[in-house]
Amino acid sequence: MSTIMNEKIESIYRQIVNRNPGEVEFHQAVREVLETLGLVLDKHPEYMEQKLIERICEPERQIIFRVPWMDDKGEIHINRGFRVQFSSVMGPYKGGLRFHPSVYLGIIKFLGFEQIFKNALTGMPIGGAKGGSDFNPKGKSDAEIMRFCQSFMTELHKYIGEYTDVPAGDIGVGGREIGYLFGQYKRLTGRFESGVITGKGMAYGGSLVRKEATGYGLVYFTELMLQTRKKSFDGKTVVVSGAGNVAIYAMEKVQQLGGKVIACSDSNGYIYDADGIKLDTIKQIKEVEYKRLKEYIKYHPNAEYKENGSIWDIPCDIAMPCATQNELNEKHAEKLIKNGCFCVTEGANMPSTPRAIHLFQSSNVLYAPGKATNAGGVATSALEMQQNACRDTWKFDYTDARLQTIMRDIHKTCFETAEEYGFKGNYLMGANIAGFTRVADAMIPLGLI
């Protein structure tokens, strides 16, 4: 990918940076998309005339609010809540909530911006948004998390609804948090509006496959990429960063397809198990006990736990960054390539730095961005919304088949779009161009809004 942008696009980018100072992740996400649009704008001058780039890069609404809550000792804490409703041109705003101490406006805006194009690629009628708080759920009791979620939703509920904005989970927001959030929404509105939030438990309107969807979708997409080079997961070694929903269910599907996951990580360190990660143990530690990954070696003493160092130093055939943004940098990319890694697909949002992506592409490593590869989660959220709208529940196999079809369509769209613009095999170009043009073509008929 060239880092030289069209002069007009460069000027727009500088304006965006000046209008949004200090939001470095947002700047990075915008630049990554704009760098790929030169040929698109040559082909569609109406996009420039209508100032679609400027309009897409400016959120429709940004909401920042105070979240006061009390801990178990009676001490009062104040956190900050966010919801950036970026684009509703293709449907109601849709995107997750992230609870993590690193959260600030720039993080939420980068995630919301990515979400616009990710959602467009799914082919589902959903717009793009993101939200969250700088609250840290780690080390908090269930009662403290409940009180925080109730306070957060007390403000957020004014701005969401099944035809307006439909949040979901992200880092720090799993089934427990979704339950507390939905419960408070129901309490405040007096309505059982199940379509207002996704990722719900099966007992109160959730969808089968939703928990697995992002990880499964990532692997389905990766499998299709491998097939373009007459390869498969069978017998391949895989390293997956993270130990949340995305990582756990990516590992599960990799194992089902014959791959061997040898390492995974959390924010404290990583586990290396040469015999293959034992997924039942990971699920027990992370989904039941809510403990750190280092507990793994108590069950499997032959495995290694490393508190410092990089998981990307481990030789592997396929790497799947599923933790957080910019976790995989140029130095990590060099190490992966040197050790023979031939495929990198993203389960997290923007986990690879621009220099790392450049190295992958220049080294003929199969690479695809998160806005394409991890779109299975939001796609299945849209399927959950469908089930809620018609008061229905679908079987696991049926929903999983729908997910596979969606991921197949996204792969086809990215592959064919890249080829159309002269970048065969470049999934980053294909995803960015296809996502942008779908949104742009929906914006023009609606007028200047």
Protein backbone atom coordinates (compact mmCIF):
# COMPACT_ATOMS: atom_id res chain seq x y z
CA MET A 1 0.00 0.00 0.00
CA SER A 2 1.39 3.40 -0.98
CA THR A 3 1.71 5.94 1.81
CA ILE A 4 1.49 8.78 -0.72
CA MET A 5 -2.01 10.18 -0.85
CA ASN A 6 -3.71 12.11 -3.60
CA GLU A 7 -3.09 15.84 -2.99
CA LYS A 8 -6.79 16.62 -2.45
CA ILE A 9 -7.19 13.69 -0.07
CA GLU A 10 -4.08 14.78 1.83
CA SER A 11 -5.59 18.23 2.27
CA ILE A 12 -8.83 16.70 3.62
CA TYR A 13 -6.84 14.50 5.97
CA ARG A 14 -4.93 17.50 7.38
CA GLN A 15 -8.25 19.27 8.00
CA ILE A 16 -9.56 16.22 9.87
CA VAL A 17 -6.44 16.05 12.05
CA ASN A 18 -6.69 19.77 12.84
CA ARG A 19 -10.39 19.44 13.74
CA ASN A 20 -9.71 16.45 16.01
CA PRO A 21 -6.44 17.19 17.82
CA GLY A 22 -4.84 14.52 19.97
CA GLU A 23 -7.04 11.67 18.71
CA VAL A 24 -4.17 9.63 17.29
CA GLU A 25 -6.05 6.33 16.87
CA PHE A 26 -8.81 8.12 14.97
CA HIS A 27 -6.23 9.82 12.75
CA GLN A 28 -4.63 6.43 12.04
CA ALA A 29 -7.94 4.80 11.12
CA VAL A 30 -8.91 7.68 8.83
CA ARG A 31 -5.55 7.74 7.09
CA GLU A 32 -5.62 3.99 6.46
CA VAL A 33 -8.92 4.35 4.59
CA LEU A 34 -8.12 7.59 2.76
CA GLU A 35 -4.83 6.21 1.43
CA THR A 36 -6.77 3.61 -0.54
CA LEU A 37 -9.30 5.93 -2.20
CA GLY A 38 -7.31 7.69 -4.94
CA LEU A 39 -8.52 5.50 -7.80
CA VAL A 40 -12.04 5.47 -6.39
CA LEU A 41 -12.26 9.26 -6.51
CA ASP A 42 -10.87 9.27 -10.07
CA LYS A 43 -13.68 6.90 -11.04
CA HIS A 44 -16.35 8.71 -9.00
CA PRO A 45 -15.68 12.49 -9.01
CA GLU A 46 -19.17 12.99 -7.57
CA TYR A 47 -17.84 11.71 -4.24
CA MET A 48 -15.53 14.75 -4.02
CA GLU A 49 -18.17 17.15 -5.30
CA GLN A 50 -20.57 15.97 -2.60
CA LYS A 51 -17.79 16.17 0.05
CA LEU A 52 -18.53 12.61 1.10
CA ILE A 53 -15.15 12.04 2.73
CA GLU A 54 -15.58 15.08 4.97
CA ARG A 55 -19.13 14.06 5.81
CA ILE A 56 -18.27 10.45 6.58
CA CYS A 57 -15.34 11.49 8.80
CA GLU A 58 -17.52 13.80 10.92
CA PRO A 59 -19.76 11.86 13.36
CA GLU A 60 -23.46 12.60 13.22
CA ARG A 61 -23.49 12.88 17.01
CA GLN A 62 -20.96 12.63 19.86
CA ILE A 63 -22.25 12.10 23.40
CA ILE A 64 -20.01 12.38 26.49
CA PHE A 65 -21.46 11.98 29.96
CA ARG A 66 -20.63 11.51 33.64
CA VAL A 67 -21.03 8.06 35.23
CA PRO A 68 -21.09 8.23 39.05
CA TRP A 69 -21.18 4.97 41.01
CA MET A 70 -20.44 3.61 44.48
CA ASP A 71 -18.12 0.72 45.31
CA ASP A 72 -18.70 -1.97 47.94
CA LYS A 73 -16.95 0.14 50.60
CA GLY A 74 -19.25 3.08 50.02
CA GLU A 75 -16.66 5.16 48.16
CA ILE A 76 -17.95 7.23 45.23
CA HIS A 77 -16.23 7.05 41.84
CA ILE A 78 -16.72 9.15 38.72
CA ASN A 79 -16.09 7.73 35.25
CA ARG A 80 -16.70 9.15 31.81
CA GLY A 81 -19.11 7.58 29.33
CA PHE A 82 -19.11 7.92 25.54
CA ARG A 83 -21.36 7.14 22.58
CA VAL A 84 -20.26 8.29 19.13
CA GLN A 85 -23.07 7.80 16.63
CA PHE A 86 -21.03 8.01 13.45
CA SER A 87 -23.28 7.11 10.53
CA SER A 88 -26.91 6.03 10.22
CA VAL A 89 -27.06 6.18 6.43
CA MET A 90 -27.46 2.40 6.08
CA GLY A 91 -29.55 1.72 9.17
CA PRO A 92 -29.71 2.35 12.93
CA TYR A 93 -26.37 2.97 14.61
CA LYS A 94 -24.72 -0.34 15.56
CA GLY A 95 -21.54 -0.95 17.49
CA GLY A 96 -20.17 -2.17 20.78
CA LEU A 97 -19.43 -0.68 24.19
CA ARG A 98 -15.88 -0.91 25.56
CA PHE A 99 -15.11 -0.67 29.29
CA HIS A 100 -11.36 -0.18 29.70
CA PRO A 101 -9.14 2.43 31.41
CA SER A 102 -7.55 3.36 28.05
CA VAL A 103 -10.88 4.57 26.65
CA TYR A 104 -11.10 8.21 25.61
CA LEU A 105 -12.82 10.01 22.74
CA GLY A 106 -10.11 9.19 20.17
CA ILE A 107 -10.41 5.43 20.83
CA ILE A 108 -14.20 5.52 20.54
CA LYS A 109 -14.05 7.57 17.33
CA PHE A 110 -11.54 5.22 15.68
CA LEU A 111 -13.70 2.24 16.59
CA GLY A 112 -16.86 3.97 15.38
CA PHE A 113 -15.21 5.00 12.11
CA GLU A 114 -14.06 1.43 11.46
CA GLN A 115 -17.53 0.20 12.35
CA ILE A 116 -19.15 2.19 9.52
CA PHE A 117 -17.29 0.22 6.85
CA LYS A 118 -17.32 -3.09 8.70
CA ASN A 119 -21.10 -2.91 8.98
CA ALA A 120 -21.43 -1.91 5.34
CA LEU A 121 -19.39 -4.95 4.28
CA THR A 122 -21.81 -7.31 6.03
CA GLY A 123 -24.59 -6.29 3.65
CA MET A 124 -26.90 -5.87 6.66
CA PRO A 125 -28.99 -2.69 7.18
CA ILE A 126 -26.93 -1.23 10.04
CA GLY A 127 -25.04 2.01 10.52
CA GLY A 128 -21.86 2.59 12.51
CA ALA A 129 -21.32 3.67 16.14
CA LYS A 130 -19.21 2.89 19.19
CA GLY A 131 -19.28 3.69 22.87
CA GLY A 132 -17.89 2.84 26.25
CA SER A 133 -16.21 4.18 29.36
CA ASP A 134 -12.81 4.48 31.04
CA PHE A 135 -14.20 2.20 33.78
CA ASN A 136 -12.04 -0.86 34.52
CA PRO A 137 -14.15 -3.96 35.34
CA LYS A 138 -11.09 -6.00 36.38
CA GLY A 139 -11.01 -6.65 40.10
CA LYS A 140 -14.53 -5.35 40.62
CA SER A 141 -17.24 -7.39 42.30
CA ASP A 142 -20.44 -8.35 40.47
CA ALA A 143 -22.32 -5.82 42.61
CA GLU A 144 -19.91 -3.01 41.68
CA ILE A 145 -20.16 -3.86 37.98
CA MET A 146 -23.95 -3.93 38.25
CA ARG A 147 -24.04 -0.49 39.89
CA PHE A 148 -21.71 0.95 37.28
CA CYS A 149 -23.72 -0.53 34.38
CA GLN A 150 -26.96 0.80 35.86
CA SER A 151 -25.50 4.30 36.19
CA PHE A 152 -24.06 4.15 32.65
CA MET A 153 -27.39 3.06 31.15
CA THR A 154 -29.32 5.68 33.12
CA GLU A 155 -27.74 8.29 30.84
CA LEU A 156 -27.23 6.24 27.68
CA HIS A 157 -30.86 5.06 27.44
CA LYS A 158 -31.94 8.53 26.26
CA TYR A 159 -30.04 8.09 23.00
CA ILE A 160 -30.65 4.45 22.00
CA GLY A 161 -33.50 2.29 20.72
CA GLU A 162 -34.07 -0.58 18.29
CA TYR A 163 -34.68 1.86 15.41
CA THR A 164 -32.12 4.42 16.59
CA ASP A 165 -28.96 2.90 18.07
CA VAL A 166 -28.29 -0.70 19.10
CA PRO A 167 -25.18 -1.19 21.31
CA ALA A 168 -23.44 -4.51 21.96
CA GLY A 169 -20.37 -5.72 23.85
CA ASP A 170 -16.65 -5.18 23.28
CA ILE A 171 -13.59 -5.33 25.54
CA GLY A 172 -14.74 -5.42 29.16
CA VAL A 173 -18.39 -5.84 28.22
CA GLY A 174 -19.52 -9.47 28.08
CA GLY A 175 -22.71 -11.34 28.89
CA ARG A 176 -22.73 -10.22 32.53
CA GLU A 177 -22.47 -6.53 31.65
CA ILE A 178 -25.01 -6.79 28.80
CA GLY A 179 -27.50 -8.31 31.24
CA TYR A 180 -27.11 -5.47 33.73
CA LEU A 181 -27.32 -2.85 30.96
CA PHE A 182 -30.45 -4.35 29.40
CA GLY A 183 -32.07 -4.80 32.79
CA GLN A 184 -31.62 -1.11 33.58
CA TYR A 185 -32.89 -0.07 30.13
CA LYS A 186 -36.03 -2.17 30.73
CA ARG A 187 -36.45 -0.69 34.19
CA LEU A 188 -36.12 2.92 32.97
CA THR A 189 -38.34 2.63 29.90
CA GLY A 190 -40.89 0.11 31.10
CA ARG A 191 -40.51 -1.71 27.79
CA PHE A 192 -39.12 -5.15 26.95
CA GLU A 193 -37.46 -3.79 23.82
CA SER A 194 -35.20 -6.77 23.16
CA GLY A 195 -33.82 -5.34 19.93
CA VAL A 196 -32.20 -2.39 21.73
CA ILE A 197 -29.01 -4.28 22.63
CA THR A 198 -27.32 -7.41 21.30
CA GLY A 199 -25.16 -10.07 22.88
CA LYS A 200 -27.98 -10.86 25.31
CA GLY A 201 -28.32 -14.13 27.19
CA MET A 202 -30.51 -16.82 25.66
CA ALA A 203 -32.95 -16.56 28.57
CA TYR A 204 -33.99 -13.04 27.60
CA GLY A 205 -33.80 -12.71 23.81
CA GLY A 206 -30.24 -13.57 22.82
CA SER A 207 -29.08 -15.45 19.75
CA LEU A 208 -27.21 -18.70 19.47
CA VAL A 209 -23.76 -18.26 17.84
CA ARG A 210 -23.50 -14.59 18.95
CA LYS A 211 -20.83 -15.42 21.54
CA GLU A 212 -18.85 -17.44 19.03
CA ALA A 213 -19.54 -15.26 15.98
CA THR A 214 -16.53 -12.92 15.81
CA GLY A 215 -14.01 -15.71 16.37
CA TYR A 216 -15.79 -18.17 14.10
CA GLY A 217 -16.23 -15.52 11.40
CA LEU A 218 -12.53 -14.66 11.56
CA VAL A 219 -11.62 -18.29 10.95
CA TYR A 220 -14.18 -18.73 8.16
CA PHE A 221 -12.72 -15.70 6.37
CA THR A 222 -9.14 -16.89 6.94
CA GLU A 223 -10.00 -20.33 5.56
CA LEU A 224 -11.27 -18.70 2.35
CA MET A 225 -8.07 -16.66 2.09
CA LEU A 226 -5.96 -19.78 2.52
CA GLN A 227 -7.92 -21.50 -0.25
CA THR A 228 -6.81 -18.79 -2.71
CA ARG A 229 -3.29 -20.21 -2.24
CA LYS A 230 -4.45 -23.82 -2.13
CA LYS A 231 -3.80 -24.08 1.61
CA SER A 232 -5.93 -24.89 4.67
CA PHE A 233 -5.75 -24.90 8.48
CA ASP A 234 -5.06 -28.62 8.54
CA GLY A 235 -1.75 -29.25 10.32
CA LYS A 236 -0.86 -25.55 10.59
CA THR A 237 0.41 -23.92 13.78
CA VAL A 238 -1.54 -20.86 14.91
CA VAL A 239 -0.83 -18.12 17.44
CA VAL A 240 -3.81 -16.12 18.76
CA SER A 241 -3.38 -13.05 20.95
CA GLY A 242 -6.07 -12.34 23.51
CA ALA A 243 -8.20 -14.60 25.69
CA GLY A 244 -11.62 -13.03 25.40
CA ASN A 245 -14.60 -14.12 23.33
CA VAL A 246 -12.94 -13.43 19.97
CA ALA A 247 -9.74 -15.32 20.78
CA ILE A 248 -11.44 -18.24 22.55
CA TYR A 249 -13.85 -19.01 19.73
CA ALA A 250 -11.30 -18.37 17.01
CA MET A 251 -9.15 -21.01 18.72
CA GLU A 252 -12.13 -23.37 18.94
CA LYS A 253 -12.90 -23.14 15.23
CA VAL A 254 -9.21 -23.40 14.24
CA GLN A 255 -9.00 -26.65 16.21
CA GLN A 256 -12.18 -27.95 14.58
CA LEU A 257 -10.62 -27.31 11.16
CA GLY A 258 -7.44 -29.20 12.00
CA GLY A 259 -5.17 -26.35 13.05
CA LYS A 260 -3.01 -26.40 16.16
CA VAL A 261 -3.18 -23.32 18.40
CA ILE A 262 0.07 -23.17 20.36
CA ALA A 263 -0.20 -19.81 22.15
CA CYS A 264 -2.66 -17.23 23.46
CA SER A 265 -2.35 -14.22 25.76
CA ASP A 266 -4.00 -11.76 28.11
CA SER A 267 -2.87 -8.32 29.27
CA ASN A 268 -0.46 -9.84 31.82
CA GLY A 269 1.40 -12.36 29.65
CA TYR A 270 1.09 -15.33 27.32
CA ILE A 271 0.83 -19.11 27.41
CA TYR A 272 2.83 -21.33 25.08
CA ASP A 273 1.76 -24.97 24.88
CA ALA A 274 3.68 -26.95 22.28
CA ASP A 275 1.13 -29.76 22.52
CA GLY A 276 -1.70 -27.39 21.65
CA ILE A 277 -3.75 -25.06 23.84
CA LYS A 278 -6.37 -26.91 25.92
CA LEU A 279 -9.46 -24.84 25.24
CA ASP A 280 -11.57 -26.27 28.07
CA THR A 281 -9.02 -24.94 30.54
CA ILE A 282 -8.99 -21.49 28.94
CA LYS A 283 -12.80 -21.34 29.06
CA GLN A 284 -12.83 -22.36 32.73
CA ILE A 285 -10.25 -19.72 33.66
CA LYS A 286 -11.68 -16.87 31.60
CA GLU A 287 -15.42 -17.50 31.33
CA VAL A 288 -16.16 -19.11 34.69
CA GLU A 289 -13.49 -18.00 37.16
CA TYR A 290 -12.62 -14.60 35.56
CA LYS A 291 -8.95 -15.18 36.43
CA ARG A 292 -5.61 -14.44 34.76
CA LEU A 293 -4.18 -16.72 32.09
CA LYS A 294 -1.20 -17.71 34.26
CA GLU A 295 -3.58 -20.11 36.05
CA TYR A 296 -3.25 -22.35 32.96
CA ILE A 297 0.09 -23.80 34.05
CA LYS A 298 -1.50 -25.10 37.29
CA TYR A 299 -3.55 -27.43 35.10
CA HIS A 300 -0.87 -28.05 32.45
CA PRO A 301 2.62 -27.77 34.02
CA ASN A 302 4.35 -28.66 30.73
CA ALA A 303 3.13 -25.39 29.23
CA GLU A 304 5.13 -22.17 29.58
CA TYR A 305 3.82 -18.87 30.91
CA LYS A 306 5.76 -15.71 30.09
CA GLU A 307 4.89 -12.45 31.80
CA ASN A 308 7.15 -10.29 29.67
CA GLY A 309 8.01 -10.64 26.02
CA SER A 310 6.00 -10.86 22.84
CA ILE A 311 3.66 -13.64 21.78
CA TRP A 312 4.66 -12.79 18.20
CA ASP A 313 8.17 -14.18 18.84
CA ILE A 314 6.69 -17.70 18.73
CA PRO A 315 7.18 -19.33 15.29
CA CYS A 316 3.86 -20.10 13.61
CA ASP A 317 2.21 -20.50 10.22
CA ILE A 318 -0.79 -18.26 10.93
CA ALA A 319 -1.07 -15.29 13.32
CA MET A 320 -4.37 -13.91 14.59
CA PRO A 321 -4.16 -10.71 16.64
CA CYS A 322 -7.39 -10.70 18.68
CA ALA A 323 -6.57 -8.42 21.62
CA THR A 324 -6.48 -4.67 21.00
CA GLN A 325 -5.40 -1.86 18.67
CA ASN A 326 -1.76 -1.51 17.58
CA GLU A 327 -0.65 -4.62 19.47
CA LEU A 328 1.37 -5.90 16.50
CA ASN A 329 4.10 -3.49 15.41
CA GLU A 330 6.89 -3.42 12.81
CA LYS A 331 9.33 -5.35 15.00
CA HIS A 332 6.73 -8.06 15.65
CA ALA A 333 5.95 -8.26 11.93
CA GLU A 334 9.63 -8.72 11.09
CA LYS A 335 9.86 -11.56 13.61
CA LEU A 336 6.74 -13.30 12.31
CA ILE A 337 7.95 -13.11 8.72
CA LYS A 338 11.45 -14.31 9.67
CA ASN A 339 9.90 -17.30 11.46
CA GLY A 340 7.88 -18.32 8.40
CA CYS A 341 4.40 -16.92 9.15
CA PHE A 342 2.50 -16.72 5.84
CA CYS A 343 -0.92 -15.47 6.97
CA VAL A 344 -2.07 -12.71 9.36
CA THR A 345 -5.76 -12.02 9.91
CA GLU A 346 -7.19 -9.61 12.46
CA GLY A 347 -9.73 -10.51 15.12
CA ALA A 348 -9.30 -7.18 16.93
CA ASN A 349 -9.93 -3.70 15.54
CA MET A 350 -6.80 -2.19 13.93
CA PRO A 351 -4.36 -4.44 15.85
CA SER A 352 -1.55 -4.04 13.29
CA THR A 353 0.35 -0.78 12.94
CA PRO A 354 0.72 0.78 9.45
CA ARG A 355 4.38 -0.28 9.23
CA ALA A 356 3.52 -3.86 10.18
CA ILE A 357 0.84 -3.98 7.46
CA HIS A 358 3.31 -2.63 4.91
CA LEU A 359 5.80 -5.37 5.82
CA PHE A 360 3.19 -8.11 5.50
CA GLN A 361 2.06 -6.92 2.10
CA SER A 362 5.57 -6.34 0.74
CA SER A 363 6.58 -9.83 1.94
CA ASN A 364 3.63 -11.55 0.20
CA VAL A 365 2.08 -12.53 3.53
CA LEU A 366 -1.68 -13.08 3.28
CA TYR A 367 -3.13 -10.19 5.26
CA ALA A 368 -6.68 -8.93 5.85
CA PRO A 369 -7.93 -6.10 8.09
CA GLY A 370 -10.34 -6.43 11.00
CA LYS A 371 -13.09 -4.46 9.27
CA ALA A 372 -13.48 -7.50 7.00
CA THR A 373 -12.26 -10.44 9.04
CA ASN A 374 -13.96 -9.69 12.36
CA ALA A 375 -17.27 -8.53 10.85
CA GLY A 376 -18.94 -11.82 11.83
CA GLY A 377 -19.70 -10.49 15.29
CA VAL A 378 -21.70 -7.48 14.20
CA ALA A 379 -23.30 -9.52 11.39
CA THR A 380 -24.63 -12.00 13.93
CA SER A 381 -25.75 -9.09 16.11
CA ALA A 382 -27.86 -8.01 13.13
CA LEU A 383 -29.21 -11.57 12.94
CA GLU A 384 -30.08 -11.30 16.65
CA MET A 385 -31.96 -8.07 15.84
CA GLN A 386 -33.89 -9.95 13.13
CA GLN A 387 -34.89 -12.66 15.57
CA ASN A 388 -35.96 -10.07 18.15
CA ALA A 389 -38.02 -8.18 15.55
CA CYS A 390 -40.03 -11.28 14.63
CA ARG A 391 -40.10 -12.76 18.17
CA ASP A 392 -38.24 -15.84 16.99
CA THR A 393 -35.20 -17.94 17.89
CA TRP A 394 -33.07 -19.84 15.41
CA LYS A 395 -31.17 -23.09 15.82
CA PHE A 396 -27.39 -22.97 16.23
CA ASP A 397 -26.66 -24.68 12.90
CA TYR A 398 -29.02 -22.37 11.00
CA THR A 399 -27.49 -19.22 12.48
CA ASP A 400 -23.97 -20.56 11.95
CA ALA A 401 -24.81 -21.27 8.30
CA ARG A 402 -26.05 -17.67 7.92
CA LEU A 403 -22.76 -16.47 9.43
CA GLN A 404 -20.72 -18.59 7.03
CA THR A 405 -22.67 -17.22 4.07
CA ILE A 406 -22.09 -13.63 5.22
CA MET A 407 -18.34 -14.19 5.68
CA ARG A 408 -18.17 -15.86 2.27
CA ASP A 409 -19.88 -12.82 0.73
CA ILE A 410 -17.53 -10.39 2.52
CA HIS A 411 -14.49 -12.34 1.30
CA LYS A 412 -15.84 -12.39 -2.26
CA THR A 413 -16.56 -8.65 -2.14
CA CYS A 414 -13.10 -7.76 -0.83
CA PHE A 415 -11.29 -10.08 -3.24
CA GLU A 416 -13.21 -8.96 -6.32
CA THR A 417 -13.09 -5.25 -5.45
CA ALA A 418 -9.31 -5.37 -5.01
CA GLU A 419 -8.98 -7.11 -8.38
CA GLU A 420 -11.31 -4.57 -10.05
CA TYR A 421 -9.05 -1.70 -8.97
CA GLY A 422 -5.82 -3.49 -9.94
CA PHE A 423 -4.76 -4.76 -6.52
CA LYS A 424 -5.41 -8.48 -6.76
CA GLY A 425 -5.02 -10.24 -3.42
CA ASN A 426 -4.86 -6.97 -1.45
CA TYR A 427 -7.67 -7.43 1.06
CA LEU A 428 -7.00 -4.06 2.72
CA MET A 429 -7.67 -2.21 -0.54
CA GLY A 430 -10.69 -4.39 -1.27
CA ALA A 431 -12.25 -3.94 2.17
CA ASN A 432 -11.70 -0.18 2.33
CA ILE A 433 -12.91 0.52 -1.20
CA ALA A 434 -15.95 -1.75 -1.00
CA GLY A 435 -16.96 -0.44 2.43
CA PHE A 436 -16.51 3.20 1.45
CA THR A 437 -18.36 2.97 -1.88
CA ARG A 438 -21.33 1.19 -0.28
CA VAL A 439 -21.70 3.98 2.26
CA ALA A 440 -21.06 6.73 -0.29
CA ASP A 441 -23.64 5.33 -2.72
CA ALA A 442 -26.21 5.28 0.08
CA MET A 443 -25.46 8.85 1.13
CA ILE A 444 -25.97 10.63 -2.18
CA PRO A 445 -29.67 9.71 -2.71
CA LEU A 446 -30.56 10.94 0.78
CA GLY A 447 -29.50 14.51 0.03
CA LEU A 448 -27.37 16.83 2.11
CA ILE A 449 -28.06 15.59 5.63
